[in-house]
Amino acid sequence: MMNQAAHTTEFAGSDRQVVATVPRVNIHAFCDNQQTVQAMQAAAADRRMSRAHVTIQLGGIAAAIQVYQAQPTPNVLIVESHSQRDMLLAELAQLAQVCAPNTKVIVIGHLNDVVLYRELIRQGVSEYLVAPLHQLQLIEAVAALYRDPKAEPLGKITAFVGAKGGVGSSTLAHNFGSYVSRNLGVDTIITDLDLAFGTAGLNFNQETSQGIVDALGQPDRVDQTLLDRLLTKCGDKLSLLASSGTIDREVNIEAHAVETILEIVRHNVPSIVVDVPNMWAPWIKYTLIQADDVVITATPELASLRNAKNLIDLLKQARPNDHAPRLVLNQVGVPKRPEIPVAEFAKALGVEPVAVIPYDPQVFGTAASNGQMIADVGPKSKAAEAIASLSRTLAGQETPAKGGKSMLGGVLGKVLRKK
């Protein structure tokens, strides 16, 4: 399996840290003020906590002691206290008398005290957090309780989806994966979820097996060893998990199968690119919601505008603690085609495009025909520049220009004014 250690730090430096999913556990929180209650409620509603069962109430440690005199403690107990060091230690001593030995305890305090922290850890407290807290801090603290300390950091999942068919989402996904692996030196796996008509193999000029089909058909049997056999190598740091693009085999995809496969992959490489087909099903929705970053590719026309808005609205609501979906406008400036201006498109969605890619049939057509990347066919083309800028932004290596517009803004304006 690829070694992710060398470049995990660089790629993990994107906007927000990759926070692990919390397993199926019972979590009880006894808060001491409304602010912490709100943070816990936001954490409980986050996509990473969807498998956990969370109960929240006020009352702090005293309420917890009273409750657990009559019922068993949960897998994870979170308690908050405003008390000073000695009083807090005394309260926890009382709590220990009603707390099961296998219950993991997280204490939220209001003292930034290293001595207190060390004493709490010595007495068996799993973690001590200083209020006020952000919901992601709470999620990370719980997830860390179940993470192998020797394991490598989790890989980042970047999902690409088209607002409609034919907008170039797959091409951008594959070029992004290629750029990250070749130019940033990050071990990357491109997962093509279009089982029948996927183009990952064609775009890289590779004979792919039925790797993704076999994995999704038996997700519970997939481990690191089997995954190695299912991958198609495209270079030192790039592999494909794709199908051979045939329609002689039907696979009924379930959300849990996608979840299982992606969890295994993200434990093995720092960058996972997911090429999501332009269709709608429960597993498609699940994949987009659970991704760490989502890139929506659209063309400047009405159908793309409508579909992009629907996707953005859904993902913003379902992923309140994640970066907003990234918008890429592709194939801009097709001769004689009526188009929605970039500014109007962005205003209607309330999202500025992170990249605007001009229409370039020569470069894109040659790349598709030869099974090459855009950077190989037209390394100095505006499309190659835009893809490089987009890739660095998604990998946390570059900050978008003010307003979220790509470096193509001025150049593209000149191109369109000439038409």
Protein backbone atom coordinates (compact mmCIF):
# COMPACT_ATOMS: atom_id res chain seq x y z
CA MET A 1 0.00 0.00 0.00
CA MET A 2 1.14 3.54 -0.70
CA ASN A 3 3.04 5.29 2.06
CA GLN A 4 1.12 8.42 3.02
CA ALA A 5 3.40 9.62 5.80
CA ALA A 6 5.72 11.77 3.73
CA HIS A 7 3.18 14.24 2.44
CA THR A 8 0.21 14.04 4.79
CA THR A 9 1.12 17.28 6.55
CA GLU A 10 1.27 19.35 3.39
CA PHE A 11 -2.06 18.15 2.02
CA ALA A 12 -3.82 18.28 5.38
CA GLY A 13 -3.04 21.98 5.46
CA SER A 14 -6.23 22.85 3.59
CA ASP A 15 -8.89 25.12 5.09
CA ARG A 16 -9.90 22.85 7.90
CA GLN A 17 -8.45 19.79 9.52
CA VAL A 18 -9.94 16.47 8.47
CA VAL A 19 -12.05 15.36 11.43
CA ALA A 20 -12.81 11.66 11.80
CA THR A 21 -16.30 10.19 11.96
CA VAL A 22 -17.54 9.22 15.42
CA PRO A 23 -18.48 5.53 15.73
CA ARG A 24 -21.82 4.15 16.90
CA VAL A 25 -21.67 5.06 20.59
CA ASN A 26 -23.93 6.58 23.20
CA ILE A 27 -22.87 10.05 24.31
CA HIS A 28 -24.37 11.91 27.28
CA ALA A 29 -23.45 15.54 27.88
CA PHE A 30 -24.15 17.46 31.11
CA CYS A 31 -23.46 21.11 30.39
CA ASP A 32 -23.12 24.01 32.80
CA ASN A 33 -24.20 26.87 30.53
CA GLN A 34 -26.28 27.51 27.42
CA GLN A 35 -23.30 28.31 25.22
CA THR A 36 -21.89 24.82 25.68
CA VAL A 37 -25.34 23.33 25.10
CA GLN A 38 -25.49 25.10 21.75
CA ALA A 39 -22.04 23.85 20.79
CA MET A 40 -23.04 20.30 21.74
CA GLN A 41 -26.26 20.56 19.75
CA ALA A 42 -24.32 21.76 16.70
CA ALA A 43 -21.86 18.90 17.13
CA ALA A 44 -24.64 16.34 17.46
CA ALA A 45 -26.19 17.57 14.19
CA ASP A 46 -22.91 17.35 12.28
CA ARG A 47 -22.48 14.69 9.59
CA ARG A 48 -19.56 13.13 11.47
CA MET A 49 -21.80 12.39 14.47
CA SER A 50 -24.64 10.83 12.47
CA ARG A 51 -23.93 7.34 13.80
CA ALA A 52 -23.75 8.36 17.47
CA HIS A 53 -26.71 8.76 19.83
CA VAL A 54 -26.33 12.01 21.77
CA THR A 55 -28.26 13.20 24.84
CA ILE A 56 -27.73 16.74 26.14
CA GLN A 57 -28.93 18.36 29.36
CA LEU A 58 -28.00 21.12 31.79
CA GLY A 59 -26.83 20.63 35.36
CA GLY A 60 -23.14 19.83 35.05
CA ILE A 61 -21.41 17.20 37.16
CA ALA A 62 -24.00 17.35 39.95
CA ALA A 63 -26.80 16.37 37.56
CA ALA A 64 -24.69 13.55 36.14
CA ILE A 65 -24.05 12.12 39.61
CA GLN A 66 -27.76 12.14 40.37
CA VAL A 67 -28.73 10.50 37.07
CA TYR A 68 -26.18 7.68 37.22
CA GLN A 69 -27.11 6.63 40.70
CA ALA A 70 -30.12 5.00 39.04
CA GLN A 71 -28.86 4.07 35.53
CA PRO A 72 -25.65 2.89 33.86
CA THR A 73 -23.23 5.37 32.35
CA PRO A 74 -22.91 5.63 28.54
CA ASN A 75 -19.93 4.91 26.29
CA VAL A 76 -18.88 8.57 26.46
CA LEU A 77 -19.74 10.99 29.24
CA ILE A 78 -19.11 14.71 28.77
CA VAL A 79 -19.40 16.92 31.85
CA GLU A 80 -18.84 20.65 32.29
CA SER A 81 -17.86 22.55 35.42
CA HIS A 82 -17.06 26.17 36.32
CA SER A 83 -15.42 25.06 39.58
CA GLN A 84 -11.86 25.82 40.61
CA ARG A 85 -9.23 23.07 40.68
CA ASP A 86 -9.81 21.53 44.11
CA MET A 87 -13.60 21.66 43.86
CA LEU A 88 -13.54 20.18 40.32
CA LEU A 89 -11.37 17.28 41.50
CA ALA A 90 -13.76 16.68 44.40
CA GLU A 91 -16.78 16.68 42.07
CA LEU A 92 -15.10 14.19 39.75
CA ALA A 93 -14.23 11.94 42.69
CA GLN A 94 -17.97 11.72 43.48
CA LEU A 95 -18.75 11.08 39.81
CA ALA A 96 -16.23 8.23 39.73
CA GLN A 97 -18.26 6.37 42.35
CA VAL A 98 -21.24 6.03 39.96
CA CYS A 99 -19.31 5.81 36.69
CA ALA A 100 -18.59 2.45 35.01
CA PRO A 101 -14.88 1.73 34.48
CA ASN A 102 -15.28 1.43 30.70
CA THR A 103 -16.98 4.82 30.30
CA LYS A 104 -14.77 7.42 28.63
CA VAL A 105 -15.05 10.81 30.38
CA ILE A 106 -14.42 14.19 28.77
CA VAL A 107 -14.34 17.17 31.12
CA ILE A 108 -15.10 20.69 29.91
CA GLY A 109 -13.67 23.27 32.28
CA HIS A 110 -13.07 27.00 32.38
CA LEU A 111 -9.50 26.91 33.71
CA ASN A 112 -6.55 26.87 31.34
CA ASP A 113 -4.41 25.01 33.85
CA VAL A 114 -1.71 22.54 32.81
CA VAL A 115 -1.36 21.16 36.34
CA LEU A 116 -5.09 20.48 36.46
CA TYR A 117 -4.96 18.81 33.05
CA ARG A 118 -2.18 16.46 34.12
CA GLU A 119 -3.95 15.56 37.33
CA LEU A 120 -7.20 14.80 35.49
CA ILE A 121 -5.43 12.57 32.97
CA ARG A 122 -3.62 10.82 35.84
CA GLN A 123 -6.96 10.10 37.49
CA GLY A 124 -8.35 8.50 34.34
CA VAL A 125 -10.18 11.34 32.59
CA SER A 126 -9.93 10.81 28.84
CA GLU A 127 -9.70 14.47 27.84
CA TYR A 128 -9.92 17.96 29.31
CA LEU A 129 -11.20 20.80 27.12
CA VAL A 130 -11.24 24.49 27.98
CA ALA A 131 -14.46 26.37 27.20
CA PRO A 132 -15.69 28.06 25.08
CA LEU A 133 -15.59 25.32 22.44
CA HIS A 134 -16.32 25.04 18.75
CA GLN A 135 -18.44 22.06 17.72
CA LEU A 136 -15.58 20.57 15.67
CA GLN A 137 -13.40 20.53 18.80
CA LEU A 138 -16.03 18.42 20.53
CA ILE A 139 -16.34 16.06 17.57
CA GLU A 140 -12.58 15.66 17.27
CA ALA A 141 -12.27 15.00 21.00
CA VAL A 142 -14.83 12.19 20.86
CA ALA A 143 -13.45 10.72 17.64
CA ALA A 144 -9.92 10.74 19.10
CA LEU A 145 -11.09 8.43 21.91
CA TYR A 146 -11.57 5.65 19.34
CA ARG A 147 -8.62 6.34 17.06
CA ASP A 148 -5.51 4.19 17.06
CA PRO A 149 -2.72 6.54 18.23
CA LYS A 150 -0.28 4.71 15.93
CA ALA A 151 -2.46 5.17 12.84
CA GLU A 152 -1.63 7.73 10.17
CA PRO A 153 -3.86 10.82 9.91
CA LEU A 154 -7.02 10.37 7.87
CA GLY A 155 -6.94 11.20 4.19
CA LYS A 156 -9.05 13.99 2.74
CA ILE A 157 -11.96 13.10 0.44
CA THR A 158 -12.60 15.59 -2.36
CA ALA A 159 -15.77 14.83 -4.32
CA PHE A 160 -16.38 16.19 -7.81
CA VAL A 161 -19.90 16.29 -9.24
CA GLY A 162 -21.39 17.91 -12.32
CA ALA A 163 -24.43 20.15 -12.17
CA LYS A 164 -25.52 18.31 -15.31
CA GLY A 165 -24.07 15.78 -17.71
CA GLY A 166 -21.26 16.83 -20.02
CA VAL A 167 -19.96 19.80 -18.00
CA GLY A 168 -16.51 18.29 -17.53
CA SER A 169 -16.64 17.28 -13.87
CA SER A 170 -14.87 13.95 -14.43
CA THR A 171 -12.14 15.63 -16.48
CA LEU A 172 -11.51 18.13 -13.68
CA ALA A 173 -11.51 15.38 -11.04
CA HIS A 174 -8.93 13.37 -12.94
CA ASN A 175 -6.74 16.37 -13.69
CA PHE A 176 -6.91 17.47 -10.04
CA GLY A 177 -5.84 14.00 -8.89
CA SER A 178 -3.01 14.00 -11.42
CA TYR A 179 -1.79 17.47 -10.36
CA VAL A 180 -1.85 16.67 -6.65
CA SER A 181 0.07 13.43 -7.13
CA ARG A 182 2.64 14.74 -9.64
CA ASN A 183 3.15 18.37 -8.66
CA LEU A 184 2.49 18.26 -4.92
CA GLY A 185 3.87 14.76 -4.37
CA VAL A 186 0.80 13.50 -2.49
CA ASP A 187 -0.26 9.86 -2.67
CA THR A 188 -3.68 9.90 -4.34
CA ILE A 189 -6.43 7.45 -5.26
CA ILE A 190 -9.07 8.46 -7.79
CA THR A 191 -12.31 6.58 -7.18
CA ASP A 192 -14.64 6.57 -10.19
CA LEU A 193 -18.17 5.79 -9.01
CA ASP A 194 -19.66 5.73 -12.52
CA LEU A 195 -19.54 1.95 -12.81
CA ALA A 196 -20.88 1.61 -16.37
CA PHE A 197 -19.69 4.75 -18.13
CA GLY A 198 -16.77 6.00 -16.06
CA THR A 199 -13.88 7.58 -17.96
CA ALA A 200 -11.01 7.37 -15.46
CA GLY A 201 -9.35 4.53 -17.35
CA LEU A 202 -9.75 6.27 -20.69
CA ASN A 203 -8.45 9.62 -19.44
CA PHE A 204 -5.30 8.00 -18.07
CA ASN A 205 -4.95 5.57 -20.99
CA GLN A 206 -5.11 2.63 -18.62
CA GLU A 207 -6.71 -0.80 -18.87
CA THR A 208 -8.72 -0.83 -15.65
CA SER A 209 -10.21 -3.88 -13.99
CA GLN A 210 -13.58 -4.09 -12.28
CA GLY A 211 -11.93 -2.82 -9.08
CA ILE A 212 -14.63 -0.48 -7.84
CA VAL A 213 -17.38 -2.90 -8.90
CA ASP A 214 -15.78 -5.76 -6.98
CA ALA A 215 -15.24 -3.54 -3.94
CA LEU A 216 -18.80 -2.25 -3.82
CA GLY A 217 -20.17 -5.74 -4.40
CA GLN A 218 -18.45 -7.13 -1.30
CA PRO A 219 -17.59 -4.15 0.93
CA ASP A 220 -17.29 -6.18 4.12
CA ARG A 221 -14.49 -8.27 2.60
CA VAL A 222 -12.39 -5.31 1.47
CA ASP A 223 -9.26 -4.70 3.48
CA GLN A 224 -5.91 -3.08 2.71
CA THR A 225 -4.57 -6.23 1.03
CA LEU A 226 -7.57 -6.67 -1.26
CA LEU A 227 -7.65 -2.95 -2.00
CA ASP A 228 -4.07 -3.17 -3.28
CA ARG A 229 -5.15 -5.82 -5.77
CA LEU A 230 -8.14 -3.79 -6.96
CA LEU A 231 -6.16 -0.62 -7.69
CA THR A 232 -4.71 0.30 -11.08
CA LYS A 233 -1.35 2.07 -10.77
CA CYS A 234 -0.87 5.22 -12.86
CA GLY A 235 2.42 6.38 -11.40
CA ASP A 236 4.47 6.41 -8.23
CA LYS A 237 1.82 8.31 -6.30
CA LEU A 238 -1.42 7.85 -8.26
CA SER A 239 -3.80 4.88 -8.48
CA LEU A 240 -7.29 4.36 -9.86
CA LEU A 241 -10.17 2.53 -8.23
CA ALA A 242 -12.37 2.32 -11.29
CA SER A 243 -14.34 -0.02 -13.52
CA SER A 244 -13.62 -1.17 -17.05
CA GLY A 245 -16.65 0.71 -18.38
CA THR A 246 -18.83 -2.23 -19.35
CA ILE A 247 -22.59 -2.71 -18.95
CA ASP A 248 -22.72 -6.50 -18.65
CA ARG A 249 -22.83 -6.44 -14.87
CA GLU A 250 -25.40 -4.81 -12.65
CA VAL A 251 -24.45 -3.60 -9.18
CA ASN A 252 -26.94 -2.25 -6.66
CA ILE A 253 -24.95 0.37 -4.75
CA GLU A 254 -25.78 0.98 -1.11
CA ALA A 255 -24.65 3.95 0.96
CA HIS A 256 -23.02 1.71 3.56
CA ALA A 257 -20.90 0.06 0.83
CA VAL A 258 -19.57 3.44 -0.32
CA GLU A 259 -18.94 4.41 3.31
CA THR A 260 -16.98 1.21 3.97
CA ILE A 261 -14.80 1.51 0.87
CA LEU A 262 -13.99 5.20 1.35
CA GLU A 263 -13.14 4.68 5.02
CA ILE A 264 -10.63 2.00 4.09
CA VAL A 265 -9.12 4.16 1.34
CA ARG A 266 -8.80 7.25 3.52
CA HIS A 267 -6.83 5.27 6.10
CA ASN A 268 -4.22 4.50 3.44
CA VAL A 269 -3.60 7.67 1.43
CA PRO A 270 -3.83 11.40 2.24
CA SER A 271 -5.78 12.35 -0.91
CA ILE A 272 -8.90 10.62 -2.19
CA VAL A 273 -10.61 12.04 -5.27
CA VAL A 274 -14.16 10.81 -5.80
CA ASP A 275 -15.64 11.18 -9.28
CA VAL A 276 -19.40 11.23 -8.59
CA PRO A 277 -21.69 10.53 -11.58
CA ASN A 278 -24.41 12.98 -12.59
CA MET A 279 -27.41 11.17 -11.19
CA TRP A 280 -29.36 11.19 -7.94
CA ALA A 281 -29.72 8.34 -5.48
CA PRO A 282 -29.37 7.88 -1.71
CA TRP A 283 -25.74 6.76 -2.05
CA ILE A 284 -24.90 9.78 -4.22
CA LYS A 285 -26.37 12.11 -1.61
CA TYR A 286 -24.50 10.28 1.15
CA THR A 287 -21.18 10.48 -0.70
CA LEU A 288 -21.46 14.22 -1.28
CA ILE A 289 -22.55 15.01 2.27
CA GLN A 290 -19.77 12.93 3.83
CA ALA A 291 -16.96 14.28 1.63
CA ASP A 292 -14.50 16.71 3.21
CA ASP A 293 -14.67 19.00 0.17
CA VAL A 294 -17.19 19.13 -2.69
CA VAL A 295 -16.53 20.66 -6.10
CA ILE A 296 -19.56 21.37 -8.30
CA THR A 297 -18.77 21.88 -11.97
CA ALA A 298 -21.26 23.85 -14.05
CA THR A 299 -21.52 25.51 -17.43
CA PRO A 300 -23.02 29.04 -17.80
CA GLU A 301 -26.54 27.97 -18.77
CA LEU A 302 -29.93 27.75 -17.10
CA ALA A 303 -30.08 24.00 -16.39
CA SER A 304 -26.66 24.11 -14.75
CA LEU A 305 -27.70 27.14 -12.71
CA ARG A 306 -30.83 25.46 -11.40
CA ASN A 307 -29.10 22.17 -10.57
CA ALA A 308 -26.06 23.84 -9.03
CA LYS A 309 -28.31 25.92 -6.78
CA ASN A 310 -30.16 22.80 -5.61
CA LEU A 311 -26.91 21.03 -4.82
CA ILE A 312 -25.37 24.01 -3.05
CA ASP A 313 -28.47 24.64 -0.95
CA LEU A 314 -28.68 20.99 0.10
CA LEU A 315 -24.99 20.69 0.95
CA LYS A 316 -24.85 23.96 2.88
CA GLN A 317 -27.75 22.82 5.03
CA ALA A 318 -26.40 19.29 5.55
CA ARG A 319 -22.78 20.38 6.16
CA PRO A 320 -22.98 23.53 8.33
CA ASN A 321 -19.50 23.00 9.82
CA ASP A 322 -17.75 22.33 6.50
CA HIS A 323 -16.43 24.55 3.77
CA ALA A 324 -19.19 25.63 1.39
CA PRO A 325 -19.28 23.68 -1.90
CA ARG A 326 -16.75 24.98 -4.42
CA LEU A 327 -18.12 26.15 -7.76
CA VAL A 328 -16.18 25.76 -11.00
CA LEU A 329 -17.56 27.33 -14.17
CA ASN A 330 -16.32 25.36 -17.16
CA GLN A 331 -16.59 25.77 -20.94
CA VAL A 332 -17.08 29.51 -20.69
CA GLY A 333 -17.05 31.49 -23.92
CA VAL A 334 -18.43 28.98 -26.46
CA PRO A 335 -18.72 30.92 -29.76
CA LYS A 336 -22.26 32.02 -30.65
CA ARG A 337 -23.76 30.27 -27.60
CA PRO A 338 -25.94 32.46 -25.37
CA GLU A 339 -24.49 32.28 -21.86
CA ILE A 340 -25.31 33.55 -18.40
CA PRO A 341 -22.54 36.02 -17.47
CA VAL A 342 -20.20 34.73 -14.76
CA ALA A 343 -21.10 37.55 -12.36
CA GLU A 344 -24.84 36.91 -12.73
CA PHE A 345 -24.35 33.15 -12.35
CA ALA A 346 -22.39 33.66 -9.14
CA LYS A 347 -24.88 36.19 -7.76
CA ALA A 348 -27.80 33.84 -8.33
CA LEU A 349 -26.05 31.08 -6.39
CA GLY A 350 -24.50 33.26 -3.71
CA VAL A 351 -21.18 31.50 -4.40
CA GLU A 352 -18.21 32.93 -6.27
CA PRO A 353 -16.51 30.41 -8.59
CA VAL A 354 -13.16 29.19 -7.37
CA ALA A 355 -12.16 28.72 -11.02
CA VAL A 356 -13.46 29.91 -14.39
CA ILE A 357 -12.22 27.75 -17.26
CA PRO A 358 -12.54 29.02 -20.83
CA TYR A 359 -13.84 26.93 -23.69
CA ASP A 360 -10.86 25.25 -25.36
CA PRO A 361 -11.98 22.36 -27.60
CA GLN A 362 -8.51 21.80 -29.03
CA VAL A 363 -6.78 21.18 -25.72
CA PHE A 364 -9.62 19.24 -24.06
CA GLY A 365 -10.39 17.24 -27.21
CA THR A 366 -6.78 16.24 -27.75
CA ALA A 367 -6.37 15.25 -24.10
CA ALA A 368 -9.51 13.08 -24.20
CA SER A 369 -8.52 11.42 -27.48
CA ASN A 370 -4.97 10.64 -26.34
CA GLY A 371 -5.72 9.66 -22.75
CA GLN A 372 -3.63 12.53 -21.41
CA MET A 373 -3.98 15.29 -18.86
CA ILE A 374 -4.57 18.94 -19.82
CA ALA A 375 -1.14 19.87 -18.45
CA ASP A 376 0.48 17.36 -20.84
CA VAL A 377 -1.36 18.55 -23.95
CA GLY A 378 -1.38 22.29 -23.30
CA PRO A 379 0.91 23.09 -20.35
CA LYS A 380 0.72 26.84 -21.02
CA SER A 381 -2.99 26.94 -21.82
CA LYS A 382 -5.41 28.96 -19.70
CA ALA A 383 -7.21 25.73 -18.81
CA ALA A 384 -4.00 24.19 -17.43
CA GLU A 385 -3.34 27.35 -15.40
CA ALA A 386 -6.87 27.28 -13.99
CA ILE A 387 -6.66 23.58 -13.07
CA ALA A 388 -3.30 24.13 -11.37
CA SER A 389 -4.68 27.06 -9.39
CA LEU A 390 -7.81 25.10 -8.44
CA SER A 391 -5.71 22.12 -7.36
CA ARG A 392 -3.45 24.23 -5.16
CA THR A 393 -6.47 25.92 -3.58
CA LEU A 394 -8.19 22.61 -2.79
CA ALA A 395 -4.93 21.23 -1.38
CA GLY A 396 -4.47 24.27 0.83
CA GLN A 397 -1.42 25.48 -1.10
CA GLU A 398 -2.96 28.65 -2.49
CA THR A 399 -5.56 31.17 -1.36
CA PRO A 400 -8.14 32.18 -3.99
CA ALA A 401 -8.14 35.78 -5.17
CA LYS A 402 -10.41 38.21 -3.30
CA GLY A 403 -14.04 37.41 -3.99
CA GLY A 404 -13.22 33.79 -4.81
CA LYS A 405 -12.50 34.51 -8.48
CA SER A 406 -9.78 32.57 -10.21
CA MET A 407 -6.62 33.97 -11.72
CA LEU A 408 -8.42 33.75 -15.05
CA GLY A 409 -10.76 36.63 -14.33
CA GLY A 410 -8.85 39.36 -16.14
CA VAL A 411 -7.65 37.17 -18.97
CA LEU A 412 -11.07 35.66 -19.57
CA GLY A 413 -12.66 39.11 -19.68
CA LYS A 414 -10.29 40.09 -22.47
CA VAL A 415 -11.08 36.88 -24.38
CA LEU A 416 -14.81 37.45 -24.16
CA ARG A 417 -14.56 41.13 -25.12
CA LYS A 418 -12.80 40.13 -28.33
CA LYS A 419 -15.62 37.87 -29.42
